[in-house]
Amino acid sequence: MYALMATDDKWYTKEQSETYKRITELGQKLIQHSKDNSKRVFEKERFLALQRQGLTMQEIEIELDVGRSKLYDWRKEHGLLSEAEKKNQEELSYE
């Protein structure tokens, strides 16, 4: 997509051109891919198995191909936060 954009610095003004159509098509695919990834669901058993194997949260993030905040939110939603994380959350809510 970036290579196409670099071929014509005014591509966005030429809505009928093939370049414009291809760039917007690729852009839509990227948006859809982002939405699909944000809806990714983790299996609780998979997460617990990785924990039992002794993986750190960072290693689990890599294994599940997910960001820290997404995994944290998922763990919070499923009651899988550590006691320290729960305590920290409570302390932050008082401030």
PDB file of N, CA and C in Angstrom:
ATOM      1  N   MET A   1       0.829  -1.180   0.000  1.00  0.00           N
ATOM      2  CA  MET A   1       0.000   0.000   0.000  1.00  0.00           C
ATOM      3  C   MET A   1       0.878   1.250   0.000  1.00  0.00           C
ATOM      4  N   TYR A   2       1.912   1.255   0.862  1.00  0.00           N
ATOM      5  CA  TYR A   2       2.790   2.431   0.909  1.00  0.00           C
ATOM      6  C   TYR A   2       3.538   2.633  -0.405  1.00  0.00           C
ATOM      7  N   ALA A   3       3.919   1.530  -1.022  1.00  0.00           N
ATOM      8  CA  ALA A   3       4.603   1.636  -2.318  1.00  0.00           C
ATOM      9  C   ALA A   3       3.686   2.282  -3.351  1.00  0.00           C
ATOM     10  N   LEU A   4       2.421   1.902  -3.345  1.00  0.00           N
ATOM     11  CA  LEU A   4       1.457   2.508  -4.269  1.00  0.00           C
ATOM     12  C   LEU A   4       1.286   3.998  -3.974  1.00  0.00           C
ATOM     13  N   MET A   5       1.215   4.337  -2.717  1.00  0.00           N
ATOM     14  CA  MET A   5       1.037   5.738  -2.334  1.00  0.00           C
ATOM     15  C   MET A   5       2.236   6.576  -2.775  1.00  0.00           C
ATOM     16  N   ALA A   6       3.422   5.962  -2.744  1.00  0.00           N
ATOM     17  CA  ALA A   6       4.638   6.689  -3.117  1.00  0.00           C
ATOM     18  C   ALA A   6       4.743   6.934  -4.618  1.00  0.00           C
ATOM     19  N   THR A   7       3.991   6.196  -5.419  1.00  0.00           N
ATOM     20  CA  THR A   7       4.076   6.370  -6.872  1.00  0.00           C
ATOM     21  C   THR A   7       3.421   7.666  -7.344  1.00  0.00           C
ATOM     22  N   ASP A   8       2.500   8.205  -6.526  1.00  0.00           N
ATOM     23  CA  ASP A   8       1.795   9.424  -6.921  1.00  0.00           C
ATOM     24  C   ASP A   8       1.388  10.167  -5.654  1.00  0.00           C
ATOM     25  N   ASP A   9       2.041  11.293  -5.410  1.00  0.00           N
ATOM     26  CA  ASP A   9       1.764  12.014  -4.167  1.00  0.00           C
ATOM     27  C   ASP A   9       0.390  12.695  -4.145  1.00  0.00           C
ATOM     28  N   LYS A  10      -0.335  12.645  -5.223  1.00  0.00           N
ATOM     29  CA  LYS A  10      -1.699  13.204  -5.275  1.00  0.00           C
ATOM     30  C   LYS A  10      -2.744  12.109  -5.540  1.00  0.00           C
ATOM     31  N   TRP A  11      -2.416  10.875  -5.219  1.00  0.00           N
ATOM     32  CA  TRP A  11      -3.298   9.740  -5.510  1.00  0.00           C
ATOM     33  C   TRP A  11      -4.688   9.927  -4.908  1.00  0.00           C
ATOM     34  N   TYR A  12      -4.747  10.553  -3.746  1.00  0.00           N
ATOM     35  CA  TYR A  12      -6.020  10.704  -3.035  1.00  0.00           C
ATOM     36  C   TYR A  12      -6.988  11.676  -3.705  1.00  0.00           C
ATOM     37  N   THR A  13      -6.526  12.426  -4.682  1.00  0.00           N
ATOM     38  CA  THR A  13      -7.399  13.363  -5.400  1.00  0.00           C
ATOM     39  C   THR A  13      -7.975  12.757  -6.675  1.00  0.00           C
ATOM     40  N   LYS A  14      -7.524  11.546  -7.005  1.00  0.00           N
ATOM     41  CA  LYS A  14      -7.918  10.903  -8.263  1.00  0.00           C
ATOM     42  C   LYS A  14      -8.757   9.662  -7.975  1.00  0.00           C
ATOM     43  N   GLU A  15      -9.980   9.906  -7.542  1.00  0.00           N
ATOM     44  CA  GLU A  15     -10.846   8.824  -7.087  1.00  0.00           C
ATOM     45  C   GLU A  15     -11.171   7.781  -8.156  1.00  0.00           C
ATOM     46  N   GLN A  16     -11.066   8.128  -9.399  1.00  0.00           N
ATOM     47  CA  GLN A  16     -11.378   7.178 -10.478  1.00  0.00           C
ATOM     48  C   GLN A  16     -10.174   6.347 -10.914  1.00  0.00           C
ATOM     49  N   SER A  17      -8.991   6.664 -10.384  1.00  0.00           N
ATOM     50  CA  SER A  17      -7.788   5.952 -10.828  1.00  0.00           C
ATOM     51  C   SER A  17      -7.695   4.573 -10.181  1.00  0.00           C
ATOM     52  N   GLU A  18      -6.996   3.683 -10.866  1.00  0.00           N
ATOM     53  CA  GLU A  18      -6.778   2.331 -10.342  1.00  0.00           C
ATOM     54  C   GLU A  18      -5.949   2.376  -9.052  1.00  0.00           C
ATOM     55  N   THR A  19      -5.020   3.309  -9.012  1.00  0.00           N
ATOM     56  CA  THR A  19      -4.177   3.442  -7.815  1.00  0.00           C
ATOM     57  C   THR A  19      -5.040   3.794  -6.601  1.00  0.00           C
ATOM     58  N   TYR A  20      -5.921   4.767  -6.760  1.00  0.00           N
ATOM     59  CA  TYR A  20      -6.818   5.169  -5.670  1.00  0.00           C
ATOM     60  C   TYR A  20      -7.670   3.981  -5.214  1.00  0.00           C
ATOM     61  N   LYS A  21      -8.247   3.289  -6.184  1.00  0.00           N
ATOM     62  CA  LYS A  21      -9.111   2.148  -5.854  1.00  0.00           C
ATOM     63  C   LYS A  21      -8.334   1.067  -5.112  1.00  0.00           C
ATOM     64  N   ARG A  22      -7.120   0.768  -5.575  1.00  0.00           N
ATOM     65  CA  ARG A  22      -6.322  -0.286  -4.941  1.00  0.00           C
ATOM     66  C   ARG A  22      -5.895   0.122  -3.527  1.00  0.00           C
ATOM     67  N   ILE A  23      -5.480   1.364  -3.354  1.00  0.00           N
ATOM     68  CA  ILE A  23      -5.065   1.832  -2.024  1.00  0.00           C
ATOM     69  C   ILE A  23      -6.233   1.795  -1.054  1.00  0.00           C
ATOM     70  N   THR A  24      -7.398   2.253  -1.481  1.00  0.00           N
ATOM     71  CA  THR A  24      -8.550   2.230  -0.578  1.00  0.00           C
ATOM     72  C   THR A  24      -8.990   0.799  -0.276  1.00  0.00           C
ATOM     73  N   GLU A  25      -8.867  -0.085  -1.258  1.00  0.00           N
ATOM     74  CA  GLU A  25      -9.194  -1.500  -1.031  1.00  0.00           C
ATOM     75  C   GLU A  25      -8.251  -2.105   0.022  1.00  0.00           C
ATOM     76  N   LEU A  26      -6.966  -1.841  -0.130  1.00  0.00           N
ATOM     77  CA  LEU A  26      -5.998  -2.347   0.840  1.00  0.00           C
ATOM     78  C   LEU A  26      -6.233  -1.735   2.224  1.00  0.00           C
ATOM     79  N   GLY A  27      -6.576  -0.462   2.252  1.00  0.00           N
ATOM     80  CA  GLY A  27      -6.876   0.203   3.525  1.00  0.00           C
ATOM     81  C   GLY A  27      -8.054  -0.446   4.231  1.00  0.00           C
ATOM     82  N   GLN A  28      -9.096  -0.780   3.477  1.00  0.00           N
ATOM     83  CA  GLN A  28     -10.264  -1.439   4.054  1.00  0.00           C
ATOM     84  C   GLN A  28      -9.905  -2.819   4.596  1.00  0.00           C
ATOM     85  N   LYS A  29      -9.034  -3.526   3.884  1.00  0.00           N
ATOM     86  CA  LYS A  29      -8.595  -4.837   4.360  1.00  0.00           C
ATOM     87  C   LYS A  29      -7.825  -4.716   5.668  1.00  0.00           C
ATOM     88  N   LEU A  30      -6.986  -3.691   5.765  1.00  0.00           N
ATOM     89  CA  LEU A  30      -6.252  -3.466   7.013  1.00  0.00           C
ATOM     90  C   LEU A  30      -7.198  -3.162   8.173  1.00  0.00           C
ATOM     91  N   ILE A  31      -8.192  -2.338   7.909  1.00  0.00           N
ATOM     92  CA  ILE A  31      -9.168  -2.012   8.948  1.00  0.00           C
ATOM     93  C   ILE A  31      -9.901  -3.268   9.388  1.00  0.00           C
ATOM     94  N   GLN A  32     -10.334  -4.087   8.451  1.00  0.00           N
ATOM     95  CA  GLN A  32     -11.048  -5.320   8.784  1.00  0.00           C
ATOM     96  C   GLN A  32     -10.155  -6.269   9.574  1.00  0.00           C
ATOM     97  N   HIS A  33      -8.906  -6.389   9.155  1.00  0.00           N
ATOM     98  CA  HIS A  33      -7.957  -7.253   9.851  1.00  0.00           C
ATOM     99  C   HIS A  33      -7.784  -6.786  11.296  1.00  0.00           C
ATOM    100  N   SER A  34      -7.702  -5.474  11.486  1.00  0.00           N
ATOM    101  CA  SER A  34      -7.574  -4.913  12.832  1.00  0.00           C
ATOM    102  C   SER A  34      -8.790  -5.258  13.674  1.00  0.00           C
ATOM    103  N   LYS A  35      -9.976  -5.106  13.099  1.00  0.00           N
ATOM    104  CA  LYS A  35     -11.204  -5.417  13.826  1.00  0.00           C
ATOM    105  C   LYS A  35     -11.262  -6.898  14.187  1.00  0.00           C
ATOM    106  N   ASP A  36     -10.887  -7.761  13.242  1.00  0.00           N
ATOM    107  CA  ASP A  36     -10.898  -9.201  13.499  1.00  0.00           C
ATOM    108  C   ASP A  36      -9.953  -9.554  14.634  1.00  0.00           C
ATOM    109  N   ASN A  37      -8.761  -8.961  14.646  1.00  0.00           N
ATOM    110  CA  ASN A  37      -7.795  -9.251  15.699  1.00  0.00           C
ATOM    111  C   ASN A  37      -8.246  -8.725  17.044  1.00  0.00           C
ATOM    112  N   SER A  38      -8.958  -7.605  17.049  1.00  0.00           N
ATOM    113  CA  SER A  38      -9.394  -7.053  18.331  1.00  0.00           C
ATOM    114  C   SER A  38     -10.498  -7.902  18.950  1.00  0.00           C
ATOM    115  N   LYS A  39     -11.174  -8.719  18.143  1.00  0.00           N
ATOM    116  CA  LYS A  39     -12.241  -9.575  18.653  1.00  0.00           C
ATOM    117  C   LYS A  39     -11.744 -10.965  19.029  1.00  0.00           C
ATOM    118  N   ARG A  40     -10.430 -11.185  18.858  1.00  0.00           N
ATOM    119  CA  ARG A  40      -9.871 -12.503  19.128  1.00  0.00           C
ATOM    120  C   ARG A  40     -10.192 -12.942  20.559  1.00  0.00           C
ATOM    121  N   VAL A  41     -10.591 -14.169  20.677  1.00  0.00           N
ATOM    122  CA  VAL A  41     -10.953 -14.731  21.975  1.00  0.00           C
ATOM    123  C   VAL A  41      -9.915 -15.775  22.346  1.00  0.00           C
ATOM    124  N   PHE A  42      -9.525 -15.762  23.587  1.00  0.00           N
ATOM    125  CA  PHE A  42      -8.569 -16.745  24.065  1.00  0.00           C
ATOM    126  C   PHE A  42      -9.321 -17.826  24.801  1.00  0.00           C
ATOM    127  N   GLU A  43      -8.832 -19.004  24.695  1.00  0.00           N
ATOM    128  CA  GLU A  43      -9.427 -20.093  25.443  1.00  0.00           C
ATOM    129  C   GLU A  43      -8.799 -20.108  26.833  1.00  0.00           C
ATOM    130  N   LYS A  44      -9.644 -20.180  27.821  1.00  0.00           N
ATOM    131  CA  LYS A  44      -9.178 -20.159  29.207  1.00  0.00           C
ATOM    132  C   LYS A  44      -8.214 -21.314  29.460  1.00  0.00           C
ATOM    133  N   GLU A  45      -8.529 -22.489  28.941  1.00  0.00           N
ATOM    134  CA  GLU A  45      -7.669 -23.652  29.158  1.00  0.00           C
ATOM    135  C   GLU A  45      -6.292 -23.451  28.529  1.00  0.00           C
ATOM    136  N   ARG A  46      -6.257 -22.820  27.380  1.00  0.00           N
ATOM    137  CA  ARG A  46      -4.969 -22.552  26.718  1.00  0.00           C
ATOM    138  C   ARG A  46      -4.127 -21.621  27.577  1.00  0.00           C
ATOM    139  N   PHE A  47      -4.750 -20.569  28.076  1.00  0.00           N
ATOM    140  CA  PHE A  47      -4.042 -19.616  28.937  1.00  0.00           C
ATOM    141  C   PHE A  47      -3.512 -20.324  30.183  1.00  0.00           C
ATOM    142  N   LEU A  48      -4.362 -21.106  30.842  1.00  0.00           N
ATOM    143  CA  LEU A  48      -3.958 -21.802  32.067  1.00  0.00           C
ATOM    144  C   LEU A  48      -2.839 -22.806  31.793  1.00  0.00           C
ATOM    145  N   ALA A  49      -2.883 -23.471  30.645  1.00  0.00           N
ATOM    146  CA  ALA A  49      -1.830 -24.422  30.291  1.00  0.00           C
ATOM    147  C   ALA A  49      -0.489 -23.700  30.135  1.00  0.00           C
ATOM    148  N   LEU A  50      -0.513 -22.533  29.523  1.00  0.00           N
ATOM    149  CA  LEU A  50       0.717 -21.767  29.358  1.00  0.00           C
ATOM    150  C   LEU A  50       1.252 -21.310  30.710  1.00  0.00           C
ATOM    151  N   GLN A  51       0.351 -20.939  31.600  1.00  0.00           N
ATOM    152  CA  GLN A  51       0.760 -20.558  32.953  1.00  0.00           C
ATOM    153  C   GLN A  51       1.392 -21.746  33.678  1.00  0.00           C
ATOM    154  N   ARG A  52       0.760 -22.907  33.563  1.00  0.00           N
ATOM    155  CA  ARG A  52       1.292 -24.107  34.227  1.00  0.00           C
ATOM    156  C   ARG A  52       2.673 -24.480  33.695  1.00  0.00           C
ATOM    157  N   GLN A  53       2.924 -24.143  32.438  1.00  0.00           N
ATOM    158  CA  GLN A  53       4.233 -24.413  31.850  1.00  0.00           C
ATOM    159  C   GLN A  53       5.301 -23.461  32.384  1.00  0.00           C
ATOM    160  N   GLY A  54       4.857 -22.464  33.148  1.00  0.00           N
ATOM    161  CA  GLY A  54       5.799 -21.528  33.758  1.00  0.00           C
ATOM    162  C   GLY A  54       6.120 -20.313  32.913  1.00  0.00           C
ATOM    163  N   LEU A  55       5.348 -20.072  31.865  1.00  0.00           N
ATOM    164  CA  LEU A  55       5.594 -18.905  31.024  1.00  0.00           C
ATOM    165  C   LEU A  55       5.230 -17.632  31.771  1.00  0.00           C
ATOM    166  N   THR A  56       5.994 -16.593  31.545  1.00  0.00           N
ATOM    167  CA  THR A  56       5.679 -15.282  32.110  1.00  0.00           C
ATOM    168  C   THR A  56       4.532 -14.671  31.307  1.00  0.00           C
ATOM    169  N   MET A  57       3.947 -13.594  31.837  1.00  0.00           N
ATOM    170  CA  MET A  57       2.870 -12.923  31.098  1.00  0.00           C
ATOM    171  C   MET A  57       3.393 -12.428  29.752  1.00  0.00           C
ATOM    172  N   GLN A  58       4.615 -11.932  29.729  1.00  0.00           N
ATOM    173  CA  GLN A  58       5.181 -11.458  28.460  1.00  0.00           C
ATOM    174  C   GLN A  58       5.314 -12.607  27.464  1.00  0.00           C
ATOM    175  N   GLU A  59       5.749 -13.761  27.922  1.00  0.00           N
ATOM    176  CA  GLU A  59       5.867 -14.920  27.033  1.00  0.00           C
ATOM    177  C   GLU A  59       4.495 -15.401  26.565  1.00  0.00           C
ATOM    178  N   ILE A  60       3.495 -15.319  27.455  1.00  0.00           N
ATOM    179  CA  ILE A  60       2.130 -15.708  27.082  1.00  0.00           C
ATOM    180  C   ILE A  60       1.585 -14.738  26.032  1.00  0.00           C
ATOM    181  N   GLU A  61       1.871 -13.453  26.206  1.00  0.00           N
ATOM    182  CA  GLU A  61       1.448 -12.459  25.211  1.00  0.00           C
ATOM    183  C   GLU A  61       2.008 -12.817  23.836  1.00  0.00           C
ATOM    184  N   ILE A  62       3.266 -13.189  23.809  1.00  0.00           N
ATOM    185  CA  ILE A  62       3.913 -13.555  22.543  1.00  0.00           C
ATOM    186  C   ILE A  62       3.283 -14.828  21.986  1.00  0.00           C
ATOM    187  N   GLU A  63       3.099 -15.815  22.841  1.00  0.00           N
ATOM    188  CA  GLU A  63       2.537 -17.094  22.405  1.00  0.00           C
ATOM    189  C   GLU A  63       1.125 -16.929  21.841  1.00  0.00           C
ATOM    190  N   LEU A  64       0.333 -16.053  22.471  1.00  0.00           N
ATOM    191  CA  LEU A  64      -1.045 -15.829  22.034  1.00  0.00           C
ATOM    192  C   LEU A  64      -1.144 -14.727  20.984  1.00  0.00           C
ATOM    193  N   ASP A  65      -0.010 -14.078  20.693  1.00  0.00           N
ATOM    194  CA  ASP A  65       0.028 -12.993  19.718  1.00  0.00           C
ATOM    195  C   ASP A  65      -0.976 -11.898  20.068  1.00  0.00           C
ATOM    196  N   VAL A  66      -0.815 -11.379  21.287  1.00  0.00           N
ATOM    197  CA  VAL A  66      -1.738 -10.366  21.786  1.00  0.00           C
ATOM    198  C   VAL A  66      -0.957  -9.340  22.601  1.00  0.00           C
ATOM    199  N   GLY A  67      -1.485  -8.134  22.672  1.00  0.00           N
ATOM    200  CA  GLY A  67      -0.846  -7.082  23.444  1.00  0.00           C
ATOM    201  C   GLY A  67      -1.122  -7.201  24.930  1.00  0.00           C
ATOM    202  N   ARG A  68      -0.313  -6.515  25.705  1.00  0.00           N
ATOM    203  CA  ARG A  68      -0.407  -6.557  27.168  1.00  0.00           C
ATOM    204  C   ARG A  68      -1.780  -6.126  27.678  1.00  0.00           C
ATOM    205  N   SER A  69      -2.279  -4.994  27.190  1.00  0.00           N
ATOM    206  CA  SER A  69      -3.545  -4.486  27.718  1.00  0.00           C
ATOM    207  C   SER A  69      -4.721  -5.393  27.348  1.00  0.00           C
ATOM    208  N   LYS A  70      -4.698  -5.962  26.148  1.00  0.00           N
ATOM    209  CA  LYS A  70      -5.774  -6.871  25.737  1.00  0.00           C
ATOM    210  C   LYS A  70      -5.783  -8.115  26.619  1.00  0.00           C
ATOM    211  N   LEU A  71      -4.601  -8.680  26.875  1.00  0.00           N
ATOM    212  CA  LEU A  71      -4.522  -9.865  27.717  1.00  0.00           C
ATOM    213  C   LEU A  71      -4.938  -9.526  29.151  1.00  0.00           C
ATOM    214  N   TYR A  72      -4.527  -8.375  29.647  1.00  0.00           N
ATOM    215  CA  TYR A  72      -4.903  -7.950  30.995  1.00  0.00           C
ATOM    216  C   TYR A  72      -6.424  -7.824  31.100  1.00  0.00           C
ATOM    217  N   ASP A  73      -7.028  -7.150  30.138  1.00  0.00           N
ATOM    218  CA  ASP A  73      -8.490  -6.985  30.147  1.00  0.00           C
ATOM    219  C   ASP A  73      -9.199  -8.334  30.098  1.00  0.00           C
ATOM    220  N   TRP A  74      -8.689  -9.241  29.272  1.00  0.00           N
ATOM    221  CA  TRP A  74      -9.289 -10.572  29.161  1.00  0.00           C
ATOM    222  C   TRP A  74      -9.165 -11.320  30.483  1.00  0.00           C
ATOM    223  N   ARG A  75      -7.978 -11.242  31.097  1.00  0.00           N
ATOM    224  CA  ARG A  75      -7.766 -11.915  32.384  1.00  0.00           C
ATOM    225  C   ARG A  75      -8.671 -11.318  33.460  1.00  0.00           C
ATOM    226  N   LYS A  76      -8.835 -10.019  33.461  1.00  0.00           N
ATOM    227  CA  LYS A  76      -9.704  -9.346  34.425  1.00  0.00           C
ATOM    228  C   LYS A  76     -11.148  -9.815  34.239  1.00  0.00           C
ATOM    229  N   GLU A  77     -11.584  -9.869  32.988  1.00  0.00           N
ATOM    230  CA  GLU A  77     -12.942 -10.299  32.663  1.00  0.00           C
ATOM    231  C   GLU A  77     -13.215 -11.741  33.098  1.00  0.00           C
ATOM    232  N   HIS A  78     -12.171 -12.580  33.052  1.00  0.00           N
ATOM    233  CA  HIS A  78     -12.330 -13.995  33.384  1.00  0.00           C
ATOM    234  C   HIS A  78     -11.858 -14.348  34.799  1.00  0.00           C
ATOM    235  N   GLY A  79     -11.606 -13.331  35.615  1.00  0.00           N
ATOM    236  CA  GLY A  79     -11.210 -13.573  37.000  1.00  0.00           C
ATOM    237  C   GLY A  79      -9.851 -14.233  37.139  1.00  0.00           C
ATOM    238  N   LEU A  80      -8.920 -13.882  36.269  1.00  0.00           N
ATOM    239  CA  LEU A  80      -7.610 -14.528  36.273  1.00  0.00           C
ATOM    240  C   LEU A  80      -6.473 -13.581  36.646  1.00  0.00           C
ATOM    241  N   LEU A  81      -6.796 -12.482  37.305  1.00  0.00           N
ATOM    242  CA  LEU A  81      -5.744 -11.581  37.758  1.00  0.00           C
ATOM    243  C   LEU A  81      -5.106 -12.146  39.021  1.00  0.00           C
ATOM    244  N   SER A  82      -3.820 -11.888  39.187  1.00  0.00           N
ATOM    245  CA  SER A  82      -3.130 -12.328  40.400  1.00  0.00           C
ATOM    246  C   SER A  82      -3.613 -11.482  41.578  1.00  0.00           C
ATOM    247  N   GLU A  83      -3.336 -11.949  42.776  1.00  0.00           N
ATOM    248  CA  GLU A  83      -3.737 -11.203  43.972  1.00  0.00           C
ATOM    249  C   GLU A  83      -3.073  -9.824  43.987  1.00  0.00           C
ATOM    250  N   ALA A  84      -1.816  -9.757  43.570  1.00  0.00           N
ATOM    251  CA  ALA A  84      -1.104  -8.477  43.531  1.00  0.00           C
ATOM    252  C   ALA A  84      -1.774  -7.509  42.552  1.00  0.00           C
ATOM    253  N   GLU A  85      -2.198  -8.022  41.408  1.00  0.00           N
ATOM    254  CA  GLU A  85      -2.878  -7.170  40.429  1.00  0.00           C
ATOM    255  C   GLU A  85      -4.225  -6.695  40.961  1.00  0.00           C
ATOM    256  N   LYS A  86      -4.938  -7.575  41.646  1.00  0.00           N
ATOM    257  CA  LYS A  86      -6.225  -7.184  42.235  1.00  0.00           C
ATOM    258  C   LYS A  86      -6.021  -6.094  43.279  1.00  0.00           C
ATOM    259  N   LYS A  87      -5.001  -6.271  44.122  1.00  0.00           N
ATOM    260  CA  LYS A  87      -4.716  -5.294  45.167  1.00  0.00           C
ATOM    261  C   LYS A  87      -4.339  -3.956  44.541  1.00  0.00           C
ATOM    262  N   ASN A  88      -3.496  -3.999  43.521  1.00  0.00           N
ATOM    263  CA  ASN A  88      -3.087  -2.781  42.834  1.00  0.00           C
ATOM    264  C   ASN A  88      -4.287  -2.074  42.219  1.00  0.00           C
ATOM    265  N   GLN A  89      -5.207  -2.851  41.671  1.00  0.00           N
ATOM    266  CA  GLN A  89      -6.407  -2.295  41.060  1.00  0.00           C
ATOM    267  C   GLN A  89      -7.258  -1.599  42.127  1.00  0.00           C
ATOM    268  N   GLU A  90      -7.389  -2.239  43.298  1.00  0.00           N
ATOM    269  CA  GLU A  90      -8.157  -1.646  44.389  1.00  0.00           C
ATOM    270  C   GLU A  90      -7.527  -0.352  44.859  1.00  0.00           C
ATOM    271  N   GLU A  91      -6.192  -0.337  44.969  1.00  0.00           N
ATOM    272  CA  GLU A  91      -5.489   0.875  45.407  1.00  0.00           C
ATOM    273  C   GLU A  91      -5.684   2.007  44.407  1.00  0.00           C
ATOM    274  N   LEU A  92      -5.662   1.686  43.147  1.00  0.00           N
ATOM    275  CA  LEU A  92      -5.846   2.717  42.118  1.00  0.00           C
ATOM    276  C   LEU A  92      -7.266   3.268  42.139  1.00  0.00           C
ATOM    277  N   SER A  93      -8.225   2.460  42.487  1.00  0.00           N
ATOM    278  CA  SER A  93      -9.626   2.918  42.495  1.00  0.00           C
ATOM    279  C   SER A  93      -9.894   3.884  43.645  1.00  0.00           C
ATOM    280  N   TYR A  94      -9.066   3.857  44.689  1.00  0.00           N
ATOM    281  CA  TYR A  94      -9.236   4.780  45.813  1.00  0.00           C
ATOM    282  C   TYR A  94      -8.669   6.161  45.520  1.00  0.00           C
ATOM    283  N   GLU A  95      -7.780   6.234  44.556  1.00  0.00           N
ATOM    284  CA  GLU A  95      -7.126   7.530  44.257  1.00  0.00           C
ATOM    285  C   GLU A  95      -7.986   8.429  43.435  1.00  0.00           C
TER     286      GLU A  95
END
